[in-house]
Structure formats: C-alpha cells, structure tokens
PDB file of N, CA and C in Angstrom:
ATOM      1  N   UNK A   1      89.341 -68.891 116.473  1.00  0.00           N
ATOM      2  CA  UNK A   1      90.481 -68.085 117.297  1.00  0.00           C
ATOM      3  C   UNK A   1      89.273 -66.422 117.482  1.00  0.00           C
ATOM      4  N   UNK A   2      89.484 -66.088 118.846  1.00  0.00           N
ATOM      5  CA  UNK A   2      89.075 -64.731 118.871  1.00  0.00           C
ATOM      6  C   UNK A   2      89.796 -63.489 118.358  1.00  0.00           C
ATOM      7  N   UNK A   3      89.159 -62.339 117.898  1.00  0.00           N
ATOM      8  CA  UNK A   3      89.900 -61.379 117.327  1.00  0.00           C
ATOM      9  C   UNK A   3      89.934 -60.520 119.013  1.00  0.00           C
ATOM     10  N   UNK A   4      91.464 -60.129 119.047  1.00  0.00           N
ATOM     11  CA  UNK A   4      91.621 -58.979 119.952  1.00  0.00           C
ATOM     12  C   UNK A   4      90.952 -57.728 119.672  1.00  0.00           C
ATOM     13  N   UNK A   5      90.635 -57.300 120.688  1.00  0.00           N
ATOM     14  CA  UNK A   5      90.112 -55.837 120.644  1.00  0.00           C
ATOM     15  C   UNK A   5      91.262 -54.730 120.970  1.00  0.00           C
ATOM     16  N   UNK A   6      91.043 -53.878 120.110  1.00  0.00           N
ATOM     17  CA  UNK A   6      92.345 -52.787 120.416  1.00  0.00           C
ATOM     18  C   UNK A   6      92.052 -51.998 121.510  1.00  0.00           C
ATOM     19  N   UNK A   7      92.982 -52.153 122.692  1.00  0.00           N
ATOM     20  CA  UNK A   7      92.564 -51.131 123.604  1.00  0.00           C
ATOM     21  C   UNK A   7      92.689 -49.775 123.745  1.00  0.00           C
ATOM     22  N   UNK A   8      91.310 -49.388 124.655  1.00  0.00           N
ATOM     23  CA  UNK A   8      90.544 -48.019 124.162  1.00  0.00           C
ATOM     24  C   UNK A   8      91.829 -46.828 124.183  1.00  0.00           C
ATOM     25  N   UNK A   9      91.300 -46.019 123.644  1.00  0.00           N
ATOM     26  CA  UNK A   9      92.165 -44.772 123.287  1.00  0.00           C
ATOM     27  C   UNK A   9      91.922 -43.863 124.555  1.00  0.00           C
ATOM     28  N   UNK A  10      93.460 -43.576 125.223  1.00  0.00           N
ATOM     29  CA  UNK A  10      93.261 -42.912 126.431  1.00  0.00           C
ATOM     30  C   UNK A  10      92.338 -41.556 126.296  1.00  0.00           C
ATOM     31  N   UNK A  11      91.458 -41.273 127.229  1.00  0.00           N
ATOM     32  CA  UNK A  11      90.804 -40.284 127.188  1.00  0.00           C
ATOM     33  C   UNK A  11      91.706 -38.669 127.790  1.00  0.00           C
ATOM     34  N   UNK A  12      91.672 -37.939 126.701  1.00  0.00           N
ATOM     35  CA  UNK A  12      92.118 -36.526 126.634  1.00  0.00           C
ATOM     36  C   UNK A  12      91.270 -35.749 127.723  1.00  0.00           C
ATOM     37  N   UNK A  13      91.924 -35.216 128.495  1.00  0.00           N
ATOM     38  CA  UNK A  13      91.258 -34.138 129.226  1.00  0.00           C
ATOM     39  C   UNK A  13      91.595 -32.907 128.292  1.00  0.00           C
ATOM     40  N   UNK A  14      90.059 -32.197 128.670  1.00  0.00           N
ATOM     41  CA  UNK A  14      89.940 -30.899 127.766  1.00  0.00           C
ATOM     42  C   UNK A  14      90.790 -29.581 128.789  1.00  0.00           C
ATOM     43  N   UNK A  15      91.496 -29.051 128.243  1.00  0.00           N
ATOM     44  CA  UNK A  15      92.370 -27.939 129.099  1.00  0.00           C
ATOM     45  C   UNK A  15      91.734 -27.041 129.165  1.00  0.00           C
ATOM     46  N   UNK A  16      91.410 -26.136 130.442  1.00  0.00           N
ATOM     47  CA  UNK A  16      91.094 -24.908 130.581  1.00  0.00           C
ATOM     48  C   UNK A  16      91.848 -24.152 130.175  1.00  0.00           C
ATOM     49  N   UNK A  17      91.910 -23.404 129.136  1.00  0.00           N
ATOM     50  CA  UNK A  17      92.742 -22.588 128.581  1.00  0.00           C
ATOM     51  C   UNK A  17      92.781 -21.317 129.324  1.00  0.00           C
ATOM     52  N   UNK A  18      91.637 -20.635 129.803  1.00  0.00           N
ATOM     53  CA  UNK A  18      91.782 -19.552 130.478  1.00  0.00           C
ATOM     54  C   UNK A  18      92.348 -20.144 132.044  1.00  0.00           C
ATOM     55  N   UNK A  19      91.905 -20.698 132.576  1.00  0.00           N
ATOM     56  CA  UNK A  19      93.166 -21.285 134.088  1.00  0.00           C
ATOM     57  C   UNK A  19      93.932 -21.388 133.711  1.00  0.00           C
ATOM     58  N   UNK A  20      94.682 -21.948 132.621  1.00  0.00           N
ATOM     59  CA  UNK A  20      95.891 -22.309 132.462  1.00  0.00           C
ATOM     60  C   UNK A  20      97.085 -20.906 132.263  1.00  0.00           C
ATOM     61  N   UNK A  21      96.313 -20.207 131.369  1.00  0.00           N
ATOM     62  CA  UNK A  21      96.866 -18.694 130.711  1.00  0.00           C
ATOM     63  C   UNK A  21      96.996 -18.091 132.441  1.00  0.00           C
ATOM     64  N   UNK A  22      96.114 -18.167 133.111  1.00  0.00           N
ATOM     65  CA  UNK A  22      96.002 -17.186 134.423  1.00  0.00           C
ATOM     66  C   UNK A  22      97.103 -17.764 135.569  1.00  0.00           C
ATOM     67  N   UNK A  23      97.572 -18.995 135.275  1.00  0.00           N
ATOM     68  CA  UNK A  23      98.111 -19.860 136.266  1.00  0.00           C
ATOM     69  C   UNK A  23      99.878 -19.524 135.804  1.00  0.00           C
ATOM     70  N   UNK A  24     100.126 -19.237 134.873  1.00  0.00           N
ATOM     71  CA  UNK A  24     101.445 -18.915 134.211  1.00  0.00           C
ATOM     72  C   UNK A  24     102.409 -18.046 135.007  1.00  0.00           C
ATOM     73  N   UNK A  25     101.822 -16.656 135.524  1.00  0.00           N
ATOM     74  CA  UNK A  25     102.804 -16.104 136.174  1.00  0.00           C
ATOM     75  C   UNK A  25     103.048 -16.497 137.585  1.00  0.00           C
ATOM     76  N   UNK A  26     102.162 -17.092 137.752  1.00  0.00           N
ATOM     77  CA  UNK A  26     102.618 -17.788 139.380  1.00  0.00           C
ATOM     78  C   UNK A  26     103.405 -18.778 139.289  1.00  0.00           C
ATOM     79  N   UNK A  27     103.190 -19.362 138.015  1.00  0.00           N
ATOM     80  CA  UNK A  27     103.939 -20.824 138.048  1.00  0.00           C
ATOM     81  C   UNK A  27     105.776 -20.217 137.690  1.00  0.00           C
ATOM     82  N   UNK A  28     105.799 -19.142 136.748  1.00  0.00           N
ATOM     83  CA  UNK A  28     107.278 -18.769 136.599  1.00  0.00           C
ATOM     84  C   UNK A  28     107.752 -18.156 137.865  1.00  0.00           C
ATOM     85  N   UNK A  29     106.987 -17.379 138.708  1.00  0.00           N
ATOM     86  CA  UNK A  29     107.355 -16.852 139.744  1.00  0.00           C
ATOM     87  C   UNK A  29     107.652 -17.964 141.204  1.00  0.00           C
ATOM     88  N   UNK A  30     107.029 -19.044 140.922  1.00  0.00           N
ATOM     89  CA  UNK A  30     107.298 -19.978 141.797  1.00  0.00           C
ATOM     90  C   UNK A  30     108.803 -20.915 141.325  1.00  0.00           C
ATOM     91  N   UNK A  31     108.907 -20.701 140.199  1.00  0.00           N
ATOM     92  CA  UNK A  31     110.099 -21.466 139.489  1.00  0.00           C
ATOM     93  C   UNK A  31     111.337 -20.662 140.269  1.00  0.00           C
ATOM     94  N   UNK A  32     111.310 -19.177 139.700  1.00  0.00           N
ATOM     95  CA  UNK A  32     112.284 -18.513 140.244  1.00  0.00           C
ATOM     96  C   UNK A  32     112.356 -18.648 141.765  1.00  0.00           C
ATOM     97  N   UNK A  33     111.683 -18.667 142.354  1.00  0.00           N
ATOM     98  CA  UNK A  33     111.854 -18.789 143.926  1.00  0.00           C
ATOM     99  C   UNK A  33     112.440 -19.999 144.389  1.00  0.00           C
ATOM    100  N   UNK A  34     111.818 -21.292 143.720  1.00  0.00           N
ATOM    101  CA  UNK A  34     112.560 -22.383 143.833  1.00  0.00           C
ATOM    102  C   UNK A  34     114.230 -22.194 143.220  1.00  0.00           C
ATOM    103  N   UNK A  35     114.340 -21.961 142.605  1.00  0.00           N
ATOM    104  CA  UNK A  35     115.960 -21.559 142.213  1.00  0.00           C
ATOM    105  C   UNK A  35     116.542 -20.676 142.994  1.00  0.00           C
ATOM    106  N   UNK A  36     116.325 -19.678 143.580  1.00  0.00           N
ATOM    107  CA  UNK A  36     116.575 -19.020 144.744  1.00  0.00           C
ATOM    108  C   UNK A  36     116.983 -19.867 146.132  1.00  0.00           C
ATOM    109  N   UNK A  37     115.836 -20.589 146.315  1.00  0.00           N
ATOM    110  CA  UNK A  37     115.899 -21.493 146.822  1.00  0.00           C
ATOM    111  C   UNK A  37     117.233 -22.727 146.971  1.00  0.00           C
ATOM    112  N   UNK A  38     117.294 -23.078 145.932  1.00  0.00           N
ATOM    113  CA  UNK A  38     118.464 -24.208 145.711  1.00  0.00           C
ATOM    114  C   UNK A  38     119.440 -23.381 145.716  1.00  0.00           C
ATOM    115  N   UNK A  39     119.707 -22.071 144.845  1.00  0.00           N
ATOM    116  CA  UNK A  39     120.996 -21.812 145.152  1.00  0.00           C
ATOM    117  C   UNK A  39     121.760 -21.321 146.420  1.00  0.00           C
ATOM    118  N   UNK A  40     120.746 -20.961 147.699  1.00  0.00           N
ATOM    119  CA  UNK A  40     121.269 -20.750 148.801  1.00  0.00           C
ATOM    120  C   UNK A  40     121.861 -21.987 149.400  1.00  0.00           C
ATOM    121  N   UNK A  41     121.605 -23.227 148.904  1.00  0.00           N
ATOM    122  CA  UNK A  41     121.913 -24.574 149.338  1.00  0.00           C
ATOM    123  C   UNK A  41     123.430 -24.823 148.731  1.00  0.00           C
ATOM    124  N   UNK A  42     123.367 -24.015 148.009  1.00  0.00           N
ATOM    125  CA  UNK A  42     125.148 -24.261 147.370  1.00  0.00           C
ATOM    126  C   UNK A  42     126.187 -23.798 147.845  1.00  0.00           C
ATOM    127  N   UNK A  43     127.217 -24.874 148.123  1.00  0.00           N
ATOM    128  CA  UNK A  43     128.736 -24.651 148.923  1.00  0.00           C
ATOM    129  C   UNK A  43     129.327 -24.199 147.738  1.00  0.00           C
ATOM    130  N   UNK A  44     129.581 -22.452 147.919  1.00  0.00           N
ATOM    131  CA  UNK A  44     130.578 -22.284 146.783  1.00  0.00           C
ATOM    132  C   UNK A  44     131.798 -21.756 147.456  1.00  0.00           C
ATOM    133  N   UNK A  45     132.682 -22.210 146.197  1.00  0.00           N
ATOM    134  CA  UNK A  45     134.213 -22.283 146.637  1.00  0.00           C
ATOM    135  C   UNK A  45     134.590 -20.986 147.070  1.00  0.00           C
ATOM    136  N   UNK A  46     135.934 -20.874 147.618  1.00  0.00           N
ATOM    137  CA  UNK A  46     136.750 -19.863 148.304  1.00  0.00           C
ATOM    138  C   UNK A  46     137.385 -19.291 146.722  1.00  0.00           C
ATOM    139  N   UNK A  47     137.979 -18.142 147.111  1.00  0.00           N
ATOM    140  CA  UNK A  47     138.924 -17.411 146.257  1.00  0.00           C
ATOM    141  C   UNK A  47     139.769 -18.482 145.800  1.00  0.00           C
ATOM    142  N   UNK A  48     140.638 -18.828 147.227  1.00  0.00           N
ATOM    143  CA  UNK A  48     141.554 -19.426 146.800  1.00  0.00           C
ATOM    144  C   UNK A  48     141.381 -20.623 146.340  1.00  0.00           C
ATOM    145  N   UNK A  49     139.994 -21.311 146.648  1.00  0.00           N
ATOM    146  CA  UNK A  49     139.663 -22.810 145.894  1.00  0.00           C
ATOM    147  C   UNK A  49     139.693 -22.415 144.177  1.00  0.00           C
ATOM    148  N   UNK A  50     139.075 -21.399 144.205  1.00  0.00           N
ATOM    149  CA  UNK A  50     138.614 -21.298 142.392  1.00  0.00           C
ATOM    150  C   UNK A  50     139.798 -20.726 142.017  1.00  0.00           C
ATOM    151  N   UNK A  51     140.696 -20.033 142.637  1.00  0.00           N
ATOM    152  CA  UNK A  51     142.213 -20.129 141.765  1.00  0.00           C
ATOM    153  C   UNK A  51     142.795 -21.237 141.453  1.00  0.00           C
ATOM    154  N   UNK A  52     143.027 -22.047 142.816  1.00  0.00           N
ATOM    155  CA  UNK A  52     143.647 -23.356 142.462  1.00  0.00           C
ATOM    156  C   UNK A  52     143.036 -24.045 141.768  1.00  0.00           C
ATOM    157  N   UNK A  53     141.352 -24.227 141.494  1.00  0.00           N
ATOM    158  CA  UNK A  53     140.960 -24.985 140.497  1.00  0.00           C
ATOM    159  C   UNK A  53     140.994 -24.342 138.942  1.00  0.00           C
ATOM    160  N   UNK A  54     141.444 -23.299 138.692  1.00  0.00           N
ATOM    161  CA  UNK A  54     141.743 -22.377 137.630  1.00  0.00           C
ATOM    162  C   UNK A  54     143.042 -22.862 137.353  1.00  0.00           C
ATOM    163  N   UNK A  55     143.943 -22.814 138.319  1.00  0.00           N
ATOM    164  CA  UNK A  55     145.037 -23.218 137.579  1.00  0.00           C
ATOM    165  C   UNK A  55     145.624 -24.646 137.163  1.00  0.00           C
ATOM    166  N   UNK A  56     144.763 -25.275 138.015  1.00  0.00           N
ATOM    167  CA  UNK A  56     144.816 -26.782 137.437  1.00  0.00           C
ATOM    168  C   UNK A  56     144.128 -26.983 136.374  1.00  0.00           C
ATOM    169  N   UNK A  57     143.072 -26.621 135.967  1.00  0.00           N
ATOM    170  CA  UNK A  57     141.986 -26.421 134.521  1.00  0.00           C
ATOM    171  C   UNK A  57     143.404 -26.201 133.349  1.00  0.00           C
ATOM    172  N   UNK A  58     144.014 -24.742 133.507  1.00  0.00           N
ATOM    173  CA  UNK A  58     144.625 -24.523 132.681  1.00  0.00           C
ATOM    174  C   UNK A  58     146.077 -25.536 132.477  1.00  0.00           C
ATOM    175  N   UNK A  59     146.845 -25.959 133.464  1.00  0.00           N
ATOM    176  CA  UNK A  59     147.796 -26.756 133.438  1.00  0.00           C
ATOM    177  C   UNK A  59     147.433 -28.111 132.497  1.00  0.00           C
ATOM    178  N   UNK A  60     146.063 -28.481 132.813  1.00  0.00           N
ATOM    179  CA  UNK A  60     145.801 -29.603 132.381  1.00  0.00           C
ATOM    180  C   UNK A  60     145.580 -29.405 130.832  1.00  0.00           C
ATOM    181  N   UNK A  61     144.878 -28.424 130.680  1.00  0.00           N
ATOM    182  CA  UNK A  61     144.677 -28.174 129.305  1.00  0.00           C
ATOM    183  C   UNK A  61     145.698 -27.660 128.283  1.00  0.00           C
ATOM    184  N   UNK A  62     146.768 -27.304 128.990  1.00  0.00           N
ATOM    185  CA  UNK A  62     147.790 -27.022 128.293  1.00  0.00           C
ATOM    186  C   UNK A  62     149.041 -28.363 128.244  1.00  0.00           C
ATOM    187  N   UNK A  63     148.701 -29.343 129.340  1.00  0.00           N
ATOM    188  CA  UNK A  63     149.460 -30.759 128.879  1.00  0.00           C
ATOM    189  C   UNK A  63     148.713 -31.340 128.010  1.00  0.00           C
ATOM    190  N   UNK A  64     147.161 -31.413 127.599  1.00  0.00           N
ATOM    191  CA  UNK A  64     146.831 -32.491 126.861  1.00  0.00           C
ATOM    192  C   UNK A  64     147.213 -31.526 125.224  1.00  0.00           C
ATOM    193  N   UNK A  65     147.130 -30.343 125.539  1.00  0.00           N
ATOM    194  CA  UNK A  65     147.404 -29.503 124.126  1.00  0.00           C
ATOM    195  C   UNK A  65     148.672 -29.867 123.186  1.00  0.00           C
ATOM    196  N   UNK A  66     149.598 -29.906 124.368  1.00  0.00           N
ATOM    197  CA  UNK A  66     151.140 -30.210 124.101  1.00  0.00           C
ATOM    198  C   UNK A  66     151.374 -32.186 123.607  1.00  0.00           C
ATOM    199  N   UNK A  67     150.551 -32.837 124.367  1.00  0.00           N
ATOM    200  CA  UNK A  67     150.204 -33.966 123.686  1.00  0.00           C
ATOM    201  C   UNK A  67     149.559 -34.128 122.568  1.00  0.00           C
ATOM    202  N   UNK A  68     148.786 -33.696 122.012  1.00  0.00           N
ATOM    203  CA  UNK A  68     148.246 -33.662 121.224  1.00  0.00           C
ATOM    204  C   UNK A  68     148.487 -33.141 119.815  1.00  0.00           C
ATOM    205  N   UNK A  69     149.777 -32.221 120.213  1.00  0.00           N
ATOM    206  CA  UNK A  69     150.535 -31.325 119.051  1.00  0.00           C
ATOM    207  C   UNK A  69     151.264 -32.156 118.612  1.00  0.00           C
ATOM    208  N   UNK A  70     151.888 -33.072 119.447  1.00  0.00           N
ATOM    209  CA  UNK A  70     153.021 -34.269 119.564  1.00  0.00           C
ATOM    210  C   UNK A  70     152.509 -35.142 118.519  1.00  0.00           C
ATOM    211  N   UNK A  71     151.443 -35.912 119.074  1.00  0.00           N
ATOM    212  CA  UNK A  71     151.002 -36.758 117.922  1.00  0.00           C
ATOM    213  C   UNK A  71     150.202 -36.290 116.562  1.00  0.00           C
ATOM    214  N   UNK A  72     149.941 -34.942 116.504  1.00  0.00           N
ATOM    215  CA  UNK A  72     149.881 -34.391 115.104  1.00  0.00           C
ATOM    216  C   UNK A  72     150.783 -34.250 114.452  1.00  0.00           C
ATOM    217  N   UNK A  73     152.059 -33.704 115.006  1.00  0.00           N
ATOM    218  CA  UNK A  73     153.269 -33.289 114.708  1.00  0.00           C
ATOM    219  C   UNK A  73     153.713 -35.046 113.690  1.00  0.00           C
ATOM    220  N   UNK A  74     153.813 -36.113 114.641  1.00  0.00           N
ATOM    221  CA  UNK A  74     154.048 -37.411 114.417  1.00  0.00           C
ATOM    222  C   UNK A  74     153.319 -37.747 112.978  1.00  0.00           C
ATOM    223  N   UNK A  75     151.836 -37.702 113.250  1.00  0.00           N
ATOM    224  CA  UNK A  75     151.021 -38.125 111.914  1.00  0.00           C
ATOM    225  C   UNK A  75     151.177 -37.485 110.704  1.00  0.00           C
ATOM    226  N   UNK A  76     151.603 -35.961 110.632  1.00  0.00           N
ATOM    227  CA  UNK A  76     151.916 -35.259 109.856  1.00  0.00           C
ATOM    228  C   UNK A  76     153.025 -35.876 109.086  1.00  0.00           C
ATOM    229  N   UNK A  77     153.985 -35.970 109.857  1.00  0.00           N
ATOM    230  CA  UNK A  77     155.345 -36.820 109.351  1.00  0.00           C
ATOM    231  C   UNK A  77     155.330 -38.084 108.792  1.00  0.00           C
ATOM    232  N   UNK A  78     154.598 -39.145 109.382  1.00  0.00           N
ATOM    233  CA  UNK A  78     154.276 -40.523 108.837  1.00  0.00           C
ATOM    234  C   UNK A  78     153.543 -40.068 107.489  1.00  0.00           C
ATOM    235  N   UNK A  79     152.524 -39.355 107.495  1.00  0.00           N
ATOM    236  CA  UNK A  79     152.023 -39.000 106.021  1.00  0.00           C
ATOM    237  C   UNK A  79     152.582 -38.511 104.945  1.00  0.00           C
ATOM    238  N   UNK A  80     153.481 -37.643 105.246  1.00  0.00           N
ATOM    239  CA  UNK A  80     154.604 -36.949 104.500  1.00  0.00           C
ATOM    240  C   UNK A  80     156.046 -38.368 103.989  1.00  0.00           C
ATOM    241  N   UNK A  81     156.124 -39.086 104.745  1.00  0.00           N
ATOM    242  CA  UNK A  81     157.018 -40.249 104.942  1.00  0.00           C
ATOM    243  C   UNK A  81     156.498 -41.243 103.503  1.00  0.00           C
ATOM    244  N   UNK A  82     155.060 -41.648 103.875  1.00  0.00           N
ATOM    245  CA  UNK A  82     154.357 -42.604 103.146  1.00  0.00           C
ATOM    246  C   UNK A  82     154.204 -41.943 102.036  1.00  0.00           C
ATOM    247  N   UNK A  83     154.266 -40.500 101.736  1.00  0.00           N
ATOM    248  CA  UNK A  83     153.681 -40.056 100.349  1.00  0.00           C
ATOM    249  C   UNK A  83     155.149 -39.847  99.639  1.00  0.00           C
ATOM    250  N   UNK A  84     156.099 -39.888  99.981  1.00  0.00           N
ATOM    251  CA  UNK A  84     157.334 -39.688  99.426  1.00  0.00           C
ATOM    252  C   UNK A  84     157.886 -41.212  98.948  1.00  0.00           C
ATOM    253  N   UNK A  85     157.331 -41.984  99.723  1.00  0.00           N
ATOM    254  CA  UNK A  85     157.918 -43.204  99.435  1.00  0.00           C
ATOM    255  C   UNK A  85     157.439 -44.203  98.377  1.00  0.00           C
TER     256      UNK A  85
END
C-alpha cells in the first residue's frame, strides 16, 4: 500500500506592512463614501407612516405583556395550589 503524502501547506503571502498602513485611511474613507451612497438609496418612511408603525408596535407590546402577565398569574396560582395541597 502506498503512503499518502500530506498536501502541501498553502503558501502565505508576505504582507507589505508599509503599503498596508498607508492604504488604511483611503479604505476607511471609501467605506464611509459607500455607506453614504447606500443610505441615499433607502426609502425613508414619512412621519405619518412612522407614527402608525410606532403605535402598532406599542399596541403589540402591550398585548403580549397582558398575555404574559395572565399566564404568569395562572402559573403562580397553580404553584401555590400545588404547594398547599
């Protein structure tokens, strides 16, 4: 049986640190230019839509808080009933 040879280790490129450090400010500036460019593409909600969405979220939170409070109340009563029995 032939022995398998291990695959050759990938050749690591040597990093030119001076070039890398000099390129950082340009790369950061490009990142922020790209962010601004992408934010210009966003469709922002109107004040009316924003108000409507906020009200919907608050109503939903209140609804689930009431349901969770109800189940918590029932659970506590059930545990108290079992502890006294």
